[in-house]
Amino acid sequence: MIVETIMNEDIITLTPTDTIHSAVMIIKEKRIRHIPIVDDSFQLVGLVSDRDIRDAAPSIFRTAEYKSDLQKPLSSIMRTDIITGHPLDFVEEIGAVFCDNNISCLPILKGRKLVGIITGSDLLHSYVELTGVNQPGSQIEIKIPDKAGTLHDIAHIFKRRNSNILSTLVYPDKEGTDYKILVIRVQTMNPFMVVEDLKKEGYTVLWPSLPGISHE
């Protein structure tokens, strides 16, 4: 999955000369958390978040005293050290950028022009789609040896049962590097027949498991 398939292209922007008050109103009305700041050529020059707004806006108890602060330009509070992405970046890699840099928004540029924006909510939604948990089905977790051909062999077991695979994910086994954990989401509400087939073939099924029954 690439970024341009999930990015929001209907972007609300402001310019550096717009006031802090205008950003306050947009954030309240549109219920958004980030506003990209662009120049006349729609090139990204800054970013303002709801947190930046809260830090800059006067306290409700001192509004009269600091009312002029709301009329200051966004250039006075916008951040310019912005991490950006490209429409052809992979969504999975963008997720790592979010985690590594502790960010909640990523403007997407083509050349230097702003063409989209991705938020943490967008990433979460795409993760749900990738894993298939938004579709009826069951999840099976299998401990598998880390060697070529294993996934092919396991897929053949599912095929024999005419079980449709919705998604597959692989993550490292915490106990060592010789094994991995394969997570398969299958389009059936009763996965136990294919689970038994997997066990007969010598695979360790971690989930689902019936109470009192060993994984082996």
Foldseek 3Di string as FASTA:
>chain_A
DFQLVQFAQPAAAAAQQAFLLVVVVCCVVVVDFKHFHADPVQFTQFMDGVVLSVVQQDDPVCCVVPVCSRNGGNNVRTDRPAAAAERGHHLVVVVVVCVVVVDFKHFYDDPRHTRGMDGPVSSVVVVCQQQVVVADWDKWKWKAFPDPPPVVVLVVLCVVVVWAWRHKDWDQDPVDRGIIIIMTTTRDPDCVVSLVVCVVVPIQIPPDDDPPDHSD
